[in-house]
Amino acid sequence: MMGFHNSLIEIPQWGRVTLVEVLWLASGLMALTFALLRLKPLWIDYQITKRLDQADLCVISFGYLRREALRIVTALSIVFIGVYTCATTSVIPGPAKVSLTGLIITSSLFIVSLSVSAQSILDWRDRNKTIAIVTKRHHE
């Protein structure tokens, strides 16, 4: 039977910051960047559809805007975890080690960040397709 200390995996560390903490911060920043880049055009879409009094398009554009805002909240949560862990010191002296639980948490946060980024990209594609359909409909 393997003891707890044998299950720990040594990870790279730079001063007080470990690779795990850097991954948390980097993945959160990646997700935040994708979401923030899309927020302003989505806000403009929503404002235009409101002014045109197009109720169906207004609902669609508000849905895109709402989903992107929620992605920003998710990404900010992950960034906060990364900043917090990078700013605090480890209580265990010596080389940085991570347990299976730490690997699962890190993997989960990274997957959430990738999902947020993918959702932003896919919604952006859907938005562009919607605009193309609406534009084509109005030109016919």
Protein backbone atom coordinates (compact mmCIF):
# COMPACT_ATOMS: atom_id res chain seq x y z
CA MET A 1 0.00 0.00 0.00
CA MET A 2 1.34 3.39 -1.00
CA GLY A 3 1.54 6.03 1.72
CA PHE A 4 0.31 9.59 1.29
CA HIS A 5 3.82 11.04 0.97
CA ASN A 6 4.65 8.57 -1.79
CA SER A 7 1.61 9.75 -3.77
CA LEU A 8 2.85 13.36 -3.95
CA ILE A 9 4.30 14.52 -7.26
CA GLU A 10 7.02 17.17 -7.29
CA ILE A 11 6.19 20.13 -9.52
CA PRO A 12 8.26 23.09 -10.78
CA GLN A 13 8.37 26.09 -8.50
CA TRP A 14 9.66 29.64 -8.99
CA GLY A 15 10.11 31.33 -5.63
CA ARG A 16 6.74 30.96 -3.91
CA VAL A 17 4.79 30.28 -7.10
CA THR A 18 4.25 26.77 -8.45
CA LEU A 19 3.39 25.57 -11.93
CA VAL A 20 -0.09 24.61 -10.73
CA GLU A 21 -0.80 28.16 -9.57
CA VAL A 22 0.55 29.60 -12.82
CA LEU A 23 -1.73 27.25 -14.78
CA TRP A 24 -4.75 28.38 -12.76
CA LEU A 25 -3.95 32.02 -13.42
CA ALA A 26 -3.05 31.55 -17.12
CA SER A 27 -6.14 29.48 -17.93
CA GLY A 28 -8.40 31.99 -16.17
CA LEU A 29 -6.78 34.89 -18.04
CA MET A 30 -7.22 33.03 -21.34
CA ALA A 31 -10.93 32.50 -20.69
CA LEU A 32 -11.35 36.09 -19.50
CA THR A 33 -9.64 37.46 -22.61
CA PHE A 34 -11.91 35.52 -25.00
CA ALA A 35 -15.01 36.62 -23.12
CA LEU A 36 -14.00 40.29 -22.80
CA LEU A 37 -13.11 40.57 -26.49
CA ARG A 38 -16.66 39.64 -27.39
CA LEU A 39 -18.54 41.68 -24.81
CA LYS A 40 -18.46 45.10 -26.52
CA PRO A 41 -19.67 43.92 -29.96
CA LEU A 42 -22.43 41.92 -28.26
CA TRP A 43 -23.49 45.01 -26.29
CA ILE A 44 -23.60 46.99 -29.55
CA ASP A 45 -25.69 44.24 -31.20
CA TYR A 46 -28.13 44.36 -28.31
CA GLN A 47 -28.42 48.17 -28.45
CA ILE A 48 -28.99 48.11 -32.23
CA THR A 49 -31.73 45.47 -32.00
CA LYS A 50 -33.44 47.48 -29.24
CA ARG A 51 -33.40 50.63 -31.36
CA LEU A 52 -34.72 48.76 -34.40
CA ASP A 53 -37.54 47.40 -32.26
CA GLN A 54 -36.84 43.86 -33.42
CA ALA A 55 -38.13 41.80 -30.49
CA ASP A 56 -36.94 38.43 -31.83
CA LEU A 57 -33.44 39.69 -32.56
CA CYS A 58 -33.36 41.57 -29.27
CA VAL A 59 -34.01 38.33 -27.37
CA ILE A 60 -31.26 36.56 -29.31
CA SER A 61 -28.73 39.37 -28.88
CA PHE A 62 -29.51 39.71 -25.17
CA GLY A 63 -29.02 35.94 -24.78
CA TYR A 64 -25.56 36.17 -26.34
CA LEU A 65 -24.72 39.14 -24.12
CA ARG A 66 -25.96 37.41 -20.96
CA ARG A 67 -24.01 34.22 -21.67
CA GLU A 68 -20.82 36.20 -22.27
CA ALA A 69 -21.31 38.14 -19.02
CA LEU A 70 -21.71 34.86 -17.12
CA ARG A 71 -18.53 33.55 -18.76
CA ILE A 72 -16.71 36.63 -17.53
CA VAL A 73 -17.87 35.90 -13.97
CA THR A 74 -16.64 32.30 -14.30
CA ALA A 75 -13.29 33.41 -15.73
CA LEU A 76 -12.87 36.05 -13.02
CA SER A 77 -13.42 33.36 -10.40
CA ILE A 78 -10.64 31.26 -11.88
CA VAL A 79 -8.35 34.31 -12.17
CA PHE A 80 -9.07 35.12 -8.51
CA ILE A 81 -8.05 31.59 -7.50
CA GLY A 82 -4.83 31.96 -9.51
CA VAL A 83 -3.97 35.39 -8.11
CA TYR A 84 -4.79 34.34 -4.56
CA THR A 85 -2.69 31.20 -4.70
CA CYS A 86 0.22 33.03 -6.36
CA ALA A 87 0.09 35.74 -3.70
CA THR A 88 0.00 33.42 -0.68
CA THR A 89 2.90 31.38 0.59
CA SER A 90 2.98 27.62 0.93
CA VAL A 91 2.80 26.34 4.50
CA ILE A 92 4.97 23.33 3.68
CA PRO A 93 8.69 24.15 3.34
CA GLY A 94 10.78 22.38 0.72
CA PRO A 95 10.01 21.37 -2.85
CA ALA A 96 6.50 21.98 -4.11
CA LYS A 97 4.43 18.83 -4.40
CA VAL A 98 0.92 18.17 -5.55
CA SER A 99 -1.42 15.35 -4.62
CA LEU A 100 -3.91 13.52 -6.78
CA THR A 101 -6.59 15.87 -5.42
CA GLY A 102 -4.50 18.86 -6.49
CA LEU A 103 -4.11 17.41 -9.98
CA ILE A 104 -7.85 16.82 -10.23
CA ILE A 105 -8.65 20.38 -9.09
CA THR A 106 -6.07 21.83 -11.50
CA SER A 107 -7.37 19.72 -14.38
CA SER A 108 -10.95 20.70 -13.57
CA LEU A 109 -10.17 24.42 -13.46
CA PHE A 110 -8.26 24.13 -16.73
CA ILE A 111 -11.17 22.27 -18.37
CA VAL A 112 -13.62 24.91 -17.12
CA SER A 113 -11.37 27.63 -18.60
CA LEU A 114 -11.14 25.81 -21.92
CA SER A 115 -14.93 25.32 -21.92
CA VAL A 116 -15.53 29.02 -21.27
CA SER A 117 -13.16 29.91 -24.12
CA ALA A 118 -14.75 27.37 -26.47
CA GLN A 119 -18.26 28.60 -25.60
CA SER A 120 -17.22 32.18 -26.40
CA ILE A 121 -15.77 31.15 -29.74
CA LEU A 122 -18.73 28.96 -30.70
CA ASP A 123 -21.28 31.61 -29.69
CA TRP A 124 -19.33 34.17 -31.72
CA ARG A 125 -19.61 31.88 -34.77
CA ASP A 126 -23.34 31.45 -34.13
CA ARG A 127 -23.74 35.21 -33.79
CA ASN A 128 -22.02 35.77 -37.14
CA LYS A 129 -24.23 33.13 -38.79
CA THR A 130 -27.32 34.78 -37.29
CA ILE A 131 -26.25 38.17 -38.65
CA ALA A 132 -25.69 36.63 -42.10
CA ILE A 133 -29.16 35.02 -42.05
CA VAL A 134 -30.87 38.23 -40.90
CA THR A 135 -28.97 40.33 -43.43
CA LYS A 136 -29.90 37.92 -46.23
CA ARG A 137 -33.55 37.91 -45.08
CA HIS A 138 -33.74 41.72 -45.16
CA HIS A 139 -32.18 41.92 -48.63
CA GLU A 140 -34.70 39.54 -50.19
